[in-house]
């Protein structure tokens, strides 16, 4: 049963995705993880930036996966690559510039979604998004289903007005002082209301941050809060 308040209730959705038109599907037989820790969507120029850490267990696997990434039509450029340790398993910091036209996060972005999780493992993409309504969540699933197989979908309702006060007593443990300050300001300015009372770029100007930096703070903070909330609910169920 779906219940939505007029202004403050969101959907949190997690799912696995076989993206049949992306480079990730071609890595199903390569043992690796690709953990995205920051992103930037430029809708006006049709590209997305992906800042991630790639982990591989052999030199041969590294060579194969980099060959797949560099040759795939969805990747406009590899903007940076830096090994983070010697030997194997090896962690590699990597920055990709991708085509927005076939981007899962771009489709979420145009529907008002906030990304909180993106991990690719052996050809499977594991995603987590917050959407402002049931209709936007359904529209998103319909859109990405055209380019792949969506599996293990889990949707939970989140009421931001109930969620934020409920975690404030634990916020000092969950969030860094800067994350707490940013989330409190965003909440007070109506960023989490439906419809939003302030846009991301306007909020960024008020806080003296770039849109990409603010997006990272909000996404990381929501990730911490949501995971803590659902772990508590699972333990009590």
Protein backbone atom coordinates (compact mmCIF):
# COMPACT_ATOMS: atom_id res chain seq x y z
CA UNK A 1 0.00 0.00 0.00
CA UNK A 2 1.38 3.41 -0.98
CA UNK A 3 0.78 6.43 1.26
CA UNK A 4 2.26 9.81 0.36
CA UNK A 5 2.08 13.10 2.21
CA UNK A 6 1.71 16.21 0.11
CA UNK A 7 5.20 17.59 0.77
CA UNK A 8 7.67 15.34 2.46
CA UNK A 9 7.47 11.60 1.67
CA UNK A 10 9.99 9.99 -0.67
CA UNK A 11 10.75 6.54 -2.07
CA UNK A 12 14.09 4.87 -1.40
CA UNK A 13 14.78 2.17 -3.97
CA UNK A 14 17.60 -0.35 -4.20
CA UNK A 15 18.02 -2.80 -7.06
CA UNK A 16 20.45 -4.84 -9.13
CA UNK A 17 20.81 -3.99 -12.79
CA UNK A 18 22.21 -5.84 -15.79
CA UNK A 19 22.88 -2.85 -18.04
CA UNK A 20 22.93 -4.60 -21.42
CA UNK A 21 24.04 -1.51 -23.37
CA UNK A 22 26.81 -0.39 -21.00
CA UNK A 23 30.44 -1.41 -20.50
CA UNK A 24 29.64 -3.03 -17.15
CA UNK A 25 27.82 -6.00 -18.71
CA UNK A 26 30.99 -6.94 -20.61
CA UNK A 27 32.87 -7.48 -17.32
CA UNK A 28 30.74 -10.34 -15.97
CA UNK A 29 33.64 -12.81 -16.08
CA UNK A 30 36.19 -10.41 -14.54
CA UNK A 31 36.61 -10.48 -10.77
CA UNK A 32 36.40 -6.81 -9.71
CA UNK A 33 34.47 -4.11 -7.88
CA UNK A 34 33.90 -0.56 -9.10
CA UNK A 35 32.76 1.62 -6.20
CA UNK A 36 31.52 5.07 -7.23
CA UNK A 37 32.11 7.66 -4.50
CA UNK A 38 31.18 10.86 -6.36
CA UNK A 39 29.41 11.88 -9.57
CA UNK A 40 28.51 14.95 -11.57
CA UNK A 41 25.73 15.26 -14.15
CA UNK A 42 25.92 18.01 -16.80
CA UNK A 43 22.52 17.90 -18.47
CA UNK A 44 23.32 20.83 -20.77
CA UNK A 45 26.33 19.08 -22.30
CA UNK A 46 25.01 15.50 -22.17
CA UNK A 47 27.74 13.95 -20.08
CA UNK A 48 28.28 12.53 -16.62
CA UNK A 49 31.44 12.27 -14.54
CA UNK A 50 32.10 9.23 -12.41
CA UNK A 51 34.73 9.24 -9.65
CA UNK A 52 35.36 5.69 -8.48
CA UNK A 53 37.76 3.16 -7.01
CA UNK A 54 38.30 0.06 -9.12
CA UNK A 55 39.56 -3.07 -7.35
CA UNK A 56 41.05 -5.96 -9.32
CA UNK A 57 42.85 -9.10 -8.26
CA UNK A 58 45.29 -9.59 -11.13
CA UNK A 59 47.21 -7.68 -13.80
CA UNK A 60 45.40 -9.59 -16.53
CA UNK A 61 42.00 -8.58 -15.15
CA UNK A 62 43.12 -4.95 -14.94
CA UNK A 63 44.26 -5.01 -18.56
CA UNK A 64 40.99 -6.57 -19.72
CA UNK A 65 38.68 -4.22 -17.86
CA UNK A 66 40.57 -1.10 -18.91
CA UNK A 67 40.44 -2.29 -22.50
CA UNK A 68 36.65 -2.68 -22.22
CA UNK A 69 36.20 0.76 -20.65
CA UNK A 70 38.45 2.59 -23.09
CA UNK A 71 36.77 1.09 -26.16
CA UNK A 72 33.10 1.31 -25.15
CA UNK A 73 30.88 3.84 -26.92
CA UNK A 74 29.34 5.03 -23.63
CA UNK A 75 32.72 6.28 -22.36
CA UNK A 76 33.73 9.65 -23.79
CA UNK A 77 37.09 9.75 -21.99
CA UNK A 78 39.16 8.40 -19.11
CA UNK A 79 40.06 11.64 -17.32
CA UNK A 80 42.21 10.18 -14.59
CA UNK A 81 43.70 6.94 -13.36
CA UNK A 82 45.92 6.45 -10.31
CA UNK A 83 46.99 3.24 -8.52
CA UNK A 84 46.46 3.50 -4.77
CA UNK A 85 48.68 0.60 -3.69
CA UNK A 86 51.42 -1.74 -4.86
CA UNK A 87 50.78 -5.36 -5.77
CA UNK A 88 47.46 -7.19 -5.99
CA UNK A 89 44.64 -6.96 -5.19
CA UNK A 90 45.08 -3.43 -6.53
CA UNK A 91 42.89 -0.40 -5.87
CA UNK A 92 42.84 2.18 -8.64
CA UNK A 93 41.27 5.62 -8.49
CA UNK A 94 39.60 6.35 -11.81
CA UNK A 95 37.59 9.21 -13.32
CA UNK A 96 35.32 8.50 -16.28
CA UNK A 97 33.43 10.87 -18.55
CA UNK A 98 30.36 9.06 -19.82
CA UNK A 99 27.55 9.63 -22.30
CA UNK A 100 24.44 10.93 -20.52
CA UNK A 101 22.15 9.37 -23.12
CA UNK A 102 22.53 5.85 -21.73
CA UNK A 103 23.34 6.75 -18.14
CA UNK A 104 21.30 5.29 -15.28
CA UNK A 105 22.16 8.20 -12.97
CA UNK A 106 21.25 10.74 -15.67
CA UNK A 107 17.79 9.19 -16.03
CA UNK A 108 17.40 9.37 -12.25
CA UNK A 109 18.63 12.97 -12.27
CA UNK A 110 16.01 14.20 -14.75
CA UNK A 111 13.27 12.62 -12.61
CA UNK A 112 14.48 14.34 -9.43
CA UNK A 113 16.29 11.32 -8.03
CA UNK A 114 19.17 11.49 -5.54
CA UNK A 115 21.81 8.79 -5.92
CA UNK A 116 23.08 7.23 -2.70
CA UNK A 117 24.72 4.03 -3.90
CA UNK A 118 26.49 2.82 -7.06
CA UNK A 119 28.67 -0.29 -6.93
CA UNK A 120 29.46 -2.47 -9.96
CA UNK A 121 30.58 -6.05 -9.42
CA UNK A 122 31.27 -8.66 -12.10
CA UNK A 123 28.76 -7.29 -14.59
CA UNK A 124 26.03 -6.37 -12.08
CA UNK A 125 25.30 -2.77 -11.05
CA UNK A 126 23.97 -2.26 -7.50
CA UNK A 127 22.07 1.01 -7.19
CA UNK A 128 20.32 3.05 -4.51
CA UNK A 129 18.22 6.17 -5.22
CA UNK A 130 15.78 8.45 -3.43
CA UNK A 131 12.83 9.63 -5.55
CA UNK A 132 10.21 12.25 -4.72
CA UNK A 133 7.17 10.10 -5.54
CA UNK A 134 5.84 6.69 -6.52
CA UNK A 135 5.25 7.93 -10.08
CA UNK A 136 8.84 9.11 -10.56
CA UNK A 137 10.12 5.82 -9.15
CA UNK A 138 7.95 3.83 -11.57
CA UNK A 139 8.92 6.05 -14.50
CA UNK A 140 12.59 5.52 -13.70
CA UNK A 141 12.26 1.73 -13.60
CA UNK A 142 10.38 1.79 -16.91
CA UNK A 143 13.13 3.90 -18.50
CA UNK A 144 16.07 1.77 -17.43
CA UNK A 145 14.23 -1.47 -18.22
CA UNK A 146 14.53 -0.57 -21.90
CA UNK A 147 18.31 -1.00 -21.69
CA UNK A 148 18.66 -3.88 -19.27
CA UNK A 149 17.27 -6.24 -16.66
CA UNK A 150 16.20 -4.86 -13.28
CA UNK A 151 16.29 -7.40 -10.43
CA UNK A 152 15.90 -7.63 -6.65
CA UNK A 153 14.00 -4.35 -6.38
CA UNK A 154 13.33 -3.13 -2.86
CA UNK A 155 11.33 0.07 -2.24
CA UNK A 156 10.83 1.75 1.13
CA UNK A 157 8.92 4.91 1.97
CA UNK A 158 10.87 7.70 3.67
CA UNK A 159 9.21 10.66 5.32
CA UNK A 160 11.96 13.29 5.58
CA UNK A 161 10.06 15.29 8.21
CA UNK A 162 9.90 12.20 10.42
CA UNK A 163 13.32 10.90 9.45
CA UNK A 164 15.43 13.96 10.21
CA UNK A 165 14.26 14.57 13.81
CA UNK A 166 14.41 10.84 14.51
CA UNK A 167 18.12 10.66 13.68
CA UNK A 168 19.17 14.03 15.10
CA UNK A 169 19.98 12.46 18.46
CA UNK A 170 22.41 10.15 16.67
CA UNK A 171 23.52 12.60 13.99
CA UNK A 172 26.72 13.50 15.81
CA UNK A 173 27.72 9.84 15.55
CA UNK A 174 26.47 9.34 11.98
CA UNK A 175 27.63 12.57 10.32
CA UNK A 176 30.72 14.71 10.36
CA UNK A 177 30.24 18.25 11.74
CA UNK A 178 30.22 19.66 8.19
CA UNK A 179 27.75 17.06 6.93
CA UNK A 180 25.49 17.85 9.86
CA UNK A 181 25.65 21.59 9.19
CA UNK A 182 24.89 21.11 5.48
CA UNK A 183 22.01 18.69 6.06
CA UNK A 184 20.46 20.93 8.73
CA UNK A 185 20.65 23.94 6.40
CA UNK A 186 19.23 21.97 3.45
CA UNK A 187 16.39 20.70 5.60
CA UNK A 188 15.52 24.15 6.96
CA UNK A 189 15.59 25.69 3.47
CA UNK A 190 13.10 23.14 2.14
CA UNK A 191 15.42 21.12 -0.12
CA UNK A 192 13.75 17.86 0.94
CA UNK A 193 10.17 19.07 0.57
CA UNK A 194 7.94 18.18 -2.39
CA UNK A 195 8.13 20.27 -4.44
CA UNK A 196 11.54 21.57 -3.37
CA UNK A 197 11.53 25.13 -2.07
CA UNK A 198 15.15 25.60 -3.15
CA UNK A 199 17.21 24.19 -6.02
CA UNK A 200 20.58 22.48 -5.63
CA UNK A 201 22.52 25.29 -7.32
CA UNK A 202 20.83 27.93 -5.14
CA UNK A 203 21.59 25.92 -2.01
CA UNK A 204 25.20 25.48 -3.13
CA UNK A 205 25.61 29.26 -3.48
CA UNK A 206 24.26 29.83 0.02
CA UNK A 207 26.72 27.32 1.45
CA UNK A 208 29.67 28.49 -0.66
CA UNK A 209 30.09 25.10 -2.33
CA UNK A 210 30.07 23.79 -5.88
CA UNK A 211 27.00 21.81 -6.99
CA UNK A 212 29.10 18.65 -7.29
CA UNK A 213 30.53 19.03 -3.77
CA UNK A 214 27.14 19.73 -2.22
CA UNK A 215 25.61 16.79 -4.08
CA UNK A 216 28.35 14.54 -2.66
CA UNK A 217 27.74 15.75 0.90
CA UNK A 218 23.99 15.23 0.65
CA UNK A 219 24.31 11.83 -1.02
CA UNK A 220 26.85 10.53 1.48
CA UNK A 221 24.85 11.85 4.44
CA UNK A 222 21.60 10.31 3.22
CA UNK A 223 23.39 7.03 2.62
CA UNK A 224 24.58 6.93 6.25
CA UNK A 225 21.16 7.90 7.62
CA UNK A 226 19.14 5.53 5.44
CA UNK A 227 21.36 2.53 6.09
CA UNK A 228 21.25 3.16 9.82
CA UNK A 229 17.46 3.55 9.74
CA UNK A 230 16.81 0.37 7.78
CA UNK A 231 19.27 -1.67 9.82
CA UNK A 232 17.35 -0.63 12.93
CA UNK A 233 14.02 -1.52 11.30
CA UNK A 234 15.35 -4.90 10.13
CA UNK A 235 16.58 -5.71 13.63
CA UNK A 236 13.21 -4.82 15.14
CA UNK A 237 11.10 -6.66 12.56
